[in-house]
């Protein structure tokens, strides 16, 4: 955990001003410092990166372990547009073993729009590989639903941020670090992890289980937070979602690949449901 600087209290500040300053420091610290969890509740800090020998395929052992593909390398059958039940007829493509959204620039949301999984998922582990373009911005959302706002239809949910931190200005917006690559967008800043670069295939993982959310980038855990915890409540209160009642709180929701107007590619998208089924002990 990063060391905290002591709060400097100036004599002329009113008690209310001192409380406000302290709250500001606390929110900044919560945004940048990883939480600690009780012993015995560990989640791996480093995992093996899943890169199948043949892209977009599963072994029999992986299938037996509960994994399924959300993209088979050829079809968009697991996905639909934000409105309607069909795969978008523009913007998104499935050629060359890659699921991609084309560049649209300022016509964001109009190339193909956010891409929704047909199913809703509760607790799960999601693996995916992505390529972010130079100055690119996208994301993988979860526990997400359709959002209609100012004439646009998109998605609202927790988000694994996909961003070129060096070139895109969003990396320096919001509370410190909370909009950087692999962070929980606008809520929790990621810790450091290896980034293979713009245009390279990077691997992400989202693990949601028993109210706990973890993000991994190229095998390194960079976000770990429990929903409803003091850290979560402080992060949410300081975010752009503060007024969104029930934000990311539903027990199930869609997986969403975001159309943010920038070329982004995905492959090796697989999910393992962790929901307990009737009869499970």
Protein backbone atom coordinates (compact mmCIF):
# COMPACT_ATOMS: atom_id res chain seq x y z
CA UNK A 1 0.00 0.00 0.00
CA UNK A 2 1.33 3.44 -0.86
CA UNK A 3 2.30 5.61 2.13
CA UNK A 4 -0.18 8.34 2.95
CA UNK A 5 1.02 11.88 3.42
CA UNK A 6 -0.15 13.50 6.66
CA UNK A 7 -3.00 15.95 6.34
CA UNK A 8 -1.91 19.56 6.64
CA UNK A 9 -4.49 21.49 8.67
CA UNK A 10 -4.34 25.26 8.28
CA UNK A 11 -5.46 27.32 11.30
CA UNK A 12 -7.93 29.45 9.33
CA UNK A 13 -9.93 26.53 7.98
CA UNK A 14 -13.36 25.99 9.48
CA UNK A 15 -14.22 22.55 10.91
CA UNK A 16 -16.43 21.89 7.88
CA UNK A 17 -13.58 22.74 5.52
CA UNK A 18 -11.21 20.43 7.40
CA UNK A 19 -13.72 17.59 7.18
CA UNK A 20 -14.15 18.21 3.44
CA UNK A 21 -10.39 18.19 2.88
CA UNK A 22 -9.99 14.98 4.86
CA UNK A 23 -12.75 13.33 2.85
CA UNK A 24 -11.02 14.35 -0.37
CA UNK A 25 -7.74 12.80 0.77
CA UNK A 26 -9.55 9.64 1.87
CA UNK A 27 -11.26 9.20 -1.48
CA UNK A 28 -7.96 9.69 -3.32
CA UNK A 29 -6.24 7.13 -1.10
CA UNK A 30 -9.03 4.61 -1.56
CA UNK A 31 -8.82 5.04 -5.31
CA UNK A 32 -5.11 4.19 -5.43
CA UNK A 33 -4.53 1.68 -2.66
CA UNK A 34 -5.36 -2.02 -2.99
CA UNK A 35 -7.50 -3.44 -0.18
CA UNK A 36 -6.47 -6.24 2.14
CA UNK A 37 -8.71 -9.24 2.70
CA UNK A 38 -9.04 -11.60 5.58
CA UNK A 39 -6.58 -14.47 5.74
CA UNK A 40 -8.07 -17.55 4.12
CA UNK A 41 -9.97 -15.43 1.59
CA UNK A 42 -7.06 -15.10 -0.82
CA UNK A 43 -7.46 -14.82 -4.58
CA UNK A 44 -4.31 -15.44 -6.63
CA UNK A 45 -2.19 -12.35 -7.18
CA UNK A 46 -0.72 -13.93 -10.32
CA UNK A 47 -2.41 -16.43 -12.64
CA UNK A 48 -1.44 -18.30 -15.79
CA UNK A 49 -2.48 -16.42 -18.91
CA UNK A 50 -4.86 -18.46 -21.07
CA UNK A 51 -3.68 -18.52 -24.68
CA UNK A 52 -4.97 -21.59 -26.52
CA UNK A 53 -2.77 -23.19 -29.16
CA UNK A 54 -5.60 -22.66 -31.65
CA UNK A 55 -7.31 -19.30 -31.00
CA UNK A 56 -10.95 -19.33 -29.95
CA UNK A 57 -11.01 -23.02 -28.99
CA UNK A 58 -11.41 -25.00 -25.77
CA UNK A 59 -9.96 -28.35 -24.82
CA UNK A 60 -12.21 -31.13 -23.57
CA UNK A 61 -10.73 -30.66 -20.09
CA UNK A 62 -11.64 -26.96 -20.15
CA UNK A 63 -15.18 -27.75 -21.23
CA UNK A 64 -15.45 -30.32 -18.46
CA UNK A 65 -14.30 -27.64 -16.02
CA UNK A 66 -17.26 -25.48 -17.01
CA UNK A 67 -15.71 -23.12 -19.56
CA UNK A 68 -17.62 -22.06 -22.67
CA UNK A 69 -16.74 -19.76 -25.55
CA UNK A 70 -18.51 -16.46 -26.07
CA UNK A 71 -16.82 -16.17 -29.47
CA UNK A 72 -15.94 -19.15 -31.65
CA UNK A 73 -13.80 -17.17 -34.10
CA UNK A 74 -16.41 -17.09 -36.86
CA UNK A 75 -19.87 -16.25 -35.55
CA UNK A 76 -21.44 -13.51 -33.48
CA UNK A 77 -24.14 -15.87 -32.30
CA UNK A 78 -23.52 -15.23 -28.59
CA UNK A 79 -23.99 -11.48 -29.02
CA UNK A 80 -26.66 -8.96 -29.93
CA UNK A 81 -27.05 -5.23 -30.42
CA UNK A 82 -28.20 -3.04 -27.55
CA UNK A 83 -31.62 -2.93 -29.20
CA UNK A 84 -33.16 -5.95 -30.85
CA UNK A 85 -32.04 -9.56 -30.84
CA UNK A 86 -29.70 -9.69 -33.84
CA UNK A 87 -25.95 -9.20 -34.15
CA UNK A 88 -25.33 -5.63 -35.44
CA UNK A 89 -25.34 -5.37 -39.25
CA UNK A 90 -22.78 -2.56 -39.18
CA UNK A 91 -19.72 -1.65 -37.15
CA UNK A 92 -18.92 -5.02 -35.58
CA UNK A 93 -17.24 -7.78 -37.59
CA UNK A 94 -16.22 -11.39 -36.94
CA UNK A 95 -13.66 -11.96 -39.70
CA UNK A 96 -10.21 -13.50 -39.34
CA UNK A 97 -10.95 -15.06 -35.97
CA UNK A 98 -11.37 -11.61 -34.40
CA UNK A 99 -14.41 -9.82 -33.00
CA UNK A 100 -13.82 -6.14 -33.78
CA UNK A 101 -15.48 -2.75 -33.65
CA UNK A 102 -14.36 -0.37 -36.38
CA UNK A 103 -13.10 3.18 -35.96
CA UNK A 104 -15.93 5.72 -35.82
CA UNK A 105 -14.33 8.73 -34.16
CA UNK A 106 -16.79 11.35 -32.98
CA UNK A 107 -19.68 9.19 -34.30
CA UNK A 108 -19.38 7.10 -31.14
CA UNK A 109 -22.29 4.69 -30.58
CA UNK A 110 -23.16 4.90 -34.29
CA UNK A 111 -20.67 2.41 -35.75
CA UNK A 112 -22.32 -0.60 -34.17
CA UNK A 113 -23.10 0.36 -30.61
CA UNK A 114 -22.30 -1.59 -27.46
CA UNK A 115 -22.40 -5.34 -28.00
CA UNK A 116 -24.41 -7.32 -25.43
CA UNK A 117 -24.10 -10.97 -24.52
CA UNK A 118 -27.40 -12.71 -25.17
CA UNK A 119 -27.35 -14.18 -21.68
CA UNK A 120 -27.11 -12.54 -18.31
CA UNK A 121 -24.51 -13.88 -15.89
CA UNK A 122 -24.24 -13.85 -12.11
CA UNK A 123 -20.93 -14.92 -10.57
CA UNK A 124 -18.34 -15.84 -13.20
CA UNK A 125 -14.77 -15.81 -14.43
CA UNK A 126 -14.34 -14.15 -17.82
CA UNK A 127 -11.16 -14.33 -19.92
CA UNK A 128 -10.55 -12.29 -23.07
CA UNK A 129 -7.74 -10.98 -25.23
CA UNK A 130 -7.88 -7.46 -26.62
CA UNK A 131 -5.98 -5.10 -28.88
CA UNK A 132 -6.32 -1.41 -28.15
CA UNK A 133 -5.51 1.09 -30.91
CA UNK A 134 -3.26 4.11 -30.45
CA UNK A 135 -5.20 6.67 -28.37
CA UNK A 136 -7.98 4.08 -28.22
CA UNK A 137 -10.76 3.71 -25.68
CA UNK A 138 -13.09 0.77 -25.09
CA UNK A 139 -14.04 -1.54 -22.25
CA UNK A 140 -15.59 -4.79 -21.12
CA UNK A 141 -18.64 -4.22 -18.95
CA UNK A 142 -20.42 -6.70 -16.70
CA UNK A 143 -23.55 -6.77 -14.57
CA UNK A 144 -24.66 -4.40 -17.33
CA UNK A 145 -28.03 -3.39 -18.71
CA UNK A 146 -29.30 -1.19 -21.54
CA UNK A 147 -29.13 2.52 -20.82
CA UNK A 148 -31.10 5.15 -22.72
CA UNK A 149 -29.82 8.68 -22.32
CA UNK A 150 -29.97 11.85 -24.40
CA UNK A 151 -31.16 9.94 -27.44
CA UNK A 152 -28.39 7.34 -27.27
CA UNK A 153 -28.73 3.67 -26.38
CA UNK A 154 -25.70 2.10 -24.73
CA UNK A 155 -24.85 0.16 -21.56
CA UNK A 156 -24.45 0.83 -17.86
CA UNK A 157 -22.46 -1.48 -15.60
CA UNK A 158 -19.12 -2.13 -13.98
CA UNK A 159 -16.30 -1.84 -16.50
CA UNK A 160 -12.83 -3.27 -17.10
CA UNK A 161 -11.30 -0.21 -18.74
CA UNK A 162 -9.49 -0.65 -22.07
CA UNK A 163 -7.42 2.44 -22.83
CA UNK A 164 -4.17 3.65 -24.31
CA UNK A 165 -3.06 5.36 -21.10
CA UNK A 166 -0.23 7.24 -22.79
CA UNK A 167 -2.21 8.84 -25.62
CA UNK A 168 -5.83 9.02 -24.48
CA UNK A 169 -6.71 11.98 -22.21
CA UNK A 170 -9.23 9.96 -20.19
CA UNK A 171 -6.34 8.37 -18.32
CA UNK A 172 -5.82 11.69 -16.53
CA UNK A 173 -9.48 12.45 -15.82
CA UNK A 174 -11.65 11.53 -12.87
CA UNK A 175 -10.16 10.69 -9.49
CA UNK A 176 -6.47 9.79 -9.72
CA UNK A 177 -5.86 6.65 -11.72
CA UNK A 178 -9.46 5.41 -11.77
CA UNK A 179 -9.75 5.58 -15.56
CA UNK A 180 -6.51 3.82 -16.45
CA UNK A 181 -6.19 0.54 -18.32
CA UNK A 182 -7.63 -2.49 -16.47
CA UNK A 183 -9.05 -0.38 -13.67
CA UNK A 184 -12.66 -0.61 -12.50
CA UNK A 185 -13.68 2.43 -14.50
CA UNK A 186 -14.07 5.62 -12.45
CA UNK A 187 -14.16 3.66 -9.18
CA UNK A 188 -10.96 1.72 -8.44
CA UNK A 189 -7.50 2.50 -9.84
CA UNK A 190 -5.43 -0.48 -10.97
CA UNK A 191 -2.11 -1.37 -9.44
CA UNK A 192 0.86 -1.81 -11.77
CA UNK A 193 0.92 -4.73 -14.22
CA UNK A 194 2.76 -5.55 -17.47
CA UNK A 195 1.20 -4.01 -20.57
CA UNK A 196 2.33 -5.56 -23.87
CA UNK A 197 1.63 -2.40 -25.81
CA UNK A 198 -0.76 -0.80 -28.26
CA UNK A 199 -1.59 -3.18 -31.12
CA UNK A 200 -0.42 -6.26 -29.18
CA UNK A 201 -2.71 -8.95 -27.81
CA UNK A 202 -3.15 -8.31 -24.09
CA UNK A 203 -5.11 -10.62 -21.81
CA UNK A 204 -7.76 -9.55 -19.33
CA UNK A 205 -9.71 -11.44 -16.71
CA UNK A 206 -12.72 -10.43 -14.62
CA UNK A 207 -13.56 -12.59 -11.59
CA UNK A 208 -16.87 -11.83 -9.86
CA UNK A 209 -17.81 -14.07 -6.95
CA UNK A 210 -19.61 -13.64 -3.64
CA UNK A 211 -19.66 -9.85 -3.93
CA UNK A 212 -15.96 -9.61 -4.71
CA UNK A 213 -14.58 -8.21 -7.97
CA UNK A 214 -11.05 -8.81 -9.28
CA UNK A 215 -9.45 -7.60 -12.50
CA UNK A 216 -6.31 -9.15 -13.99
CA UNK A 217 -4.08 -7.76 -16.73
CA UNK A 218 -1.69 -10.19 -18.41
CA UNK A 219 -1.86 -12.50 -15.42
CA UNK A 220 -1.40 -9.91 -12.66
CA UNK A 221 -4.25 -8.93 -10.34
CA UNK A 222 -4.72 -5.16 -10.50
CA UNK A 223 -8.14 -4.61 -8.88
CA UNK A 224 -9.63 -6.33 -5.83
CA UNK A 225 -12.70 -4.93 -4.10
CA UNK A 226 -15.76 -6.16 -2.30
CA UNK A 227 -19.05 -4.52 -3.26
CA UNK A 228 -20.76 -2.91 -0.28
CA UNK A 229 -17.48 -2.48 1.62
CA UNK A 230 -16.42 0.95 2.95
CA UNK A 231 -13.93 1.18 0.08
CA UNK A 232 -16.66 0.44 -2.45
CA UNK A 233 -19.08 2.95 -0.94
CA UNK A 234 -16.44 5.69 -0.88
CA UNK A 235 -15.38 4.95 -4.44
CA UNK A 236 -18.97 4.96 -5.69
CA UNK A 237 -19.78 8.20 -3.84
CA UNK A 238 -16.84 9.91 -5.56
CA UNK A 239 -17.61 8.57 -9.03
CA UNK A 240 -19.80 9.64 -11.94
CA UNK A 241 -22.19 6.83 -10.95
CA UNK A 242 -22.96 8.19 -7.49
CA UNK A 243 -26.54 9.05 -8.43
CA UNK A 244 -27.19 5.79 -10.28
CA UNK A 245 -29.33 3.87 -7.83
CA UNK A 246 -28.37 0.20 -7.65
CA UNK A 247 -25.31 0.66 -9.87
CA UNK A 248 -23.73 -2.75 -10.57
CA UNK A 249 -25.79 -4.22 -7.72
CA UNK A 250 -28.08 -6.60 -9.61
CA UNK A 251 -27.34 -10.30 -9.04
CA UNK A 252 -27.02 -10.90 -12.79
CA UNK A 253 -26.37 -8.84 -15.90
CA UNK A 254 -25.00 -8.81 -19.43
CA UNK A 255 -21.37 -8.91 -20.52
CA UNK A 256 -20.82 -5.95 -22.87
CA UNK A 257 -18.06 -5.10 -25.34
CA UNK A 258 -18.02 -1.34 -25.61
CA UNK A 259 -18.21 0.74 -28.77
CA UNK A 260 -16.41 3.95 -27.79
CA UNK A 261 -15.69 5.10 -31.35
CA UNK A 262 -12.21 3.51 -31.51
CA UNK A 263 -10.95 0.40 -33.28
CA UNK A 264 -10.75 -2.43 -30.73
CA UNK A 265 -10.29 -6.17 -31.33
CA UNK A 266 -11.21 -9.15 -29.17
CA UNK A 267 -10.54 -12.88 -29.33
CA UNK A 268 -10.28 -15.88 -26.97
CA UNK A 269 -13.39 -14.80 -25.07
CA UNK A 270 -14.48 -17.52 -22.66
CA UNK A 271 -16.58 -17.61 -19.49
CA UNK A 272 -17.07 -20.01 -16.60
CA UNK A 273 -20.25 -19.53 -14.61
CA UNK A 274 -19.83 -19.79 -10.83
CA UNK A 275 -23.53 -19.67 -10.07
CA UNK A 276 -24.73 -22.46 -7.82
CA UNK A 277 -27.35 -24.54 -9.50
CA UNK A 278 -30.31 -26.25 -7.86
CA UNK A 279 -29.06 -29.34 -6.08
CA UNK A 280 -25.50 -28.00 -5.61
CA UNK A 281 -24.24 -28.39 -2.06
